[in-house]
């Protein structure tokens, strides 16, 4: 796994980091972009959101937007 992972990081032009750092980046970026904590928890293999909220709670925006608006923006539709 280590050699495979390192070679893919090199190909992507990304400096070396451990797999756990990538997991952390995934979770914090997803939560910062209004992805529901329940979904992130499932992707990380957790049965509930307690670990996600404990470790990544600071990245959960207090001003939660609607998922419809997020998806529309992701798809390039105007939301104003």
C-alpha atoms as a PDB file:
ATOM      1  CA  UNK A   1       0.000   0.000   0.000  1.00  0.00           C
ATOM      2  CA  UNK A   2       2.730   2.468   0.932  1.00  0.00           C
ATOM      3  CA  UNK A   3       4.584   2.204  -2.391  1.00  0.00           C
ATOM      4  CA  UNK A   4       1.339   2.364  -4.382  1.00  0.00           C
ATOM      5  CA  UNK A   5       0.121   5.375  -2.414  1.00  0.00           C
ATOM      6  CA  UNK A   6       3.434   7.230  -2.632  1.00  0.00           C
ATOM      7  CA  UNK A   7       3.674   6.683  -6.387  1.00  0.00           C
ATOM      8  CA  UNK A   8       0.185   8.132  -6.882  1.00  0.00           C
ATOM      9  CA  UNK A   9       1.015  11.171  -4.760  1.00  0.00           C
ATOM     10  CA  UNK A  10       4.097  11.737  -6.905  1.00  0.00           C
ATOM     11  CA  UNK A  11       2.103  11.435 -10.143  1.00  0.00           C
ATOM     12  CA  UNK A  12      -0.416  13.955  -8.827  1.00  0.00           C
ATOM     13  CA  UNK A  13       2.320  16.379  -7.794  1.00  0.00           C
ATOM     14  CA  UNK A  14       1.287  16.208  -4.146  1.00  0.00           C
ATOM     15  CA  UNK A  15       3.938  16.245  -1.436  1.00  0.00           C
ATOM     16  CA  UNK A  16       4.170  13.102   0.671  1.00  0.00           C
ATOM     17  CA  UNK A  17       1.641  12.649   3.431  1.00  0.00           C
ATOM     18  CA  UNK A  18       0.307   9.654   5.267  1.00  0.00           C
ATOM     19  CA  UNK A  19      -3.023   8.054   4.443  1.00  0.00           C
ATOM     20  CA  UNK A  20      -4.412   9.293   7.759  1.00  0.00           C
ATOM     21  CA  UNK A  21      -3.615  12.880   6.755  1.00  0.00           C
ATOM     22  CA  UNK A  22      -5.611  12.353   3.550  1.00  0.00           C
ATOM     23  CA  UNK A  23      -8.509  11.016   5.600  1.00  0.00           C
ATOM     24  CA  UNK A  24      -8.343  14.096   7.823  1.00  0.00           C
ATOM     25  CA  UNK A  25      -8.227  16.412   4.796  1.00  0.00           C
ATOM     26  CA  UNK A  26     -11.214  14.640   3.231  1.00  0.00           C
ATOM     27  CA  UNK A  27     -13.298  14.971   6.393  1.00  0.00           C
ATOM     28  CA  UNK A  28     -12.420  18.595   7.125  1.00  0.00           C
ATOM     29  CA  UNK A  29     -12.902  19.708   3.510  1.00  0.00           C
ATOM     30  CA  UNK A  30     -16.227  17.898   3.191  1.00  0.00           C
ATOM     31  CA  UNK A  31     -17.560  19.366   6.427  1.00  0.00           C
ATOM     32  CA  UNK A  32     -16.312  22.854   5.541  1.00  0.00           C
ATOM     33  CA  UNK A  33     -18.287  22.597   2.317  1.00  0.00           C
ATOM     34  CA  UNK A  34     -21.565  21.759   4.056  1.00  0.00           C
ATOM     35  CA  UNK A  35     -21.530  18.007   3.451  1.00  0.00           C
ATOM     36  CA  UNK A  36     -23.706  16.546   6.233  1.00  0.00           C
ATOM     37  CA  UNK A  37     -21.806  15.100   9.207  1.00  0.00           C
ATOM     38  CA  UNK A  38     -23.908  11.923   8.938  1.00  0.00           C
ATOM     39  CA  UNK A  39     -22.639  11.277   5.413  1.00  0.00           C
ATOM     40  CA  UNK A  40     -19.019  12.032   6.339  1.00  0.00           C
ATOM     41  CA  UNK A  41     -19.272   9.703   9.356  1.00  0.00           C
ATOM     42  CA  UNK A  42     -20.507   6.861   7.135  1.00  0.00           C
ATOM     43  CA  UNK A  43     -17.684   7.433   4.644  1.00  0.00           C
ATOM     44  CA  UNK A  44     -15.168   7.234   7.481  1.00  0.00           C
ATOM     45  CA  UNK A  45     -16.710   3.987   8.743  1.00  0.00           C
ATOM     46  CA  UNK A  46     -18.374   5.398  11.855  1.00  0.00           C
ATOM     47  CA  UNK A  47     -21.820   4.284  12.994  1.00  0.00           C
ATOM     48  CA  UNK A  48     -22.785   7.741  14.269  1.00  0.00           C
ATOM     49  CA  UNK A  49     -21.501  11.312  14.193  1.00  0.00           C
ATOM     50  CA  UNK A  50     -19.967  11.486  17.677  1.00  0.00           C
ATOM     51  CA  UNK A  51     -16.365  10.932  16.507  1.00  0.00           C
ATOM     52  CA  UNK A  52     -16.791  13.290  13.558  1.00  0.00           C
ATOM     53  CA  UNK A  53     -18.229  16.024  15.763  1.00  0.00           C
ATOM     54  CA  UNK A  54     -15.536  15.477  18.413  1.00  0.00           C
ATOM     55  CA  UNK A  55     -12.567  15.588  16.025  1.00  0.00           C
ATOM     56  CA  UNK A  56     -13.850  17.738  13.172  1.00  0.00           C
ATOM     57  CA  UNK A  57     -16.541  19.862  14.816  1.00  0.00           C
ATOM     58  CA  UNK A  58     -14.653  23.104  14.270  1.00  0.00           C
ATOM     59  CA  UNK A  59     -15.046  22.605  10.504  1.00  0.00           C
ATOM     60  CA  UNK A  60     -18.825  22.210  10.639  1.00  0.00           C
ATOM     61  CA  UNK A  61     -20.195  25.601   9.574  1.00  0.00           C
ATOM     62  CA  UNK A  62     -22.729  27.145  11.909  1.00  0.00           C
ATOM     63  CA  UNK A  63     -24.558  28.708   8.972  1.00  0.00           C
ATOM     64  CA  UNK A  64     -25.645  25.467   7.314  1.00  0.00           C
ATOM     65  CA  UNK A  65     -26.942  26.101   3.820  1.00  0.00           C
ATOM     66  CA  UNK A  66     -29.522  23.981   2.051  1.00  0.00           C
ATOM     67  CA  UNK A  67     -28.227  20.932   0.203  1.00  0.00           C
ATOM     68  CA  UNK A  68     -30.229  21.961  -2.882  1.00  0.00           C
ATOM     69  CA  UNK A  69     -28.230  25.176  -3.079  1.00  0.00           C
ATOM     70  CA  UNK A  70     -24.956  23.323  -2.651  1.00  0.00           C
ATOM     71  CA  UNK A  71     -25.750  20.820  -5.371  1.00  0.00           C
ATOM     72  CA  UNK A  72     -26.934  23.594  -7.693  1.00  0.00           C
ATOM     73  CA  UNK A  73     -23.692  25.467  -7.163  1.00  0.00           C
ATOM     74  CA  UNK A  74     -21.629  22.323  -7.732  1.00  0.00           C
ATOM     75  CA  UNK A  75     -23.458  21.747 -11.015  1.00  0.00           C
ATOM     76  CA  UNK A  76     -22.776  25.308 -12.137  1.00  0.00           C
ATOM     77  CA  UNK A  77     -26.320  26.630 -11.820  1.00  0.00           C
ATOM     78  CA  UNK A  78     -26.896  30.162 -10.579  1.00  0.00           C
ATOM     79  CA  UNK A  79     -28.191  30.310  -7.020  1.00  0.00           C
ATOM     80  CA  UNK A  80     -28.857  34.039  -6.691  1.00  0.00           C
END
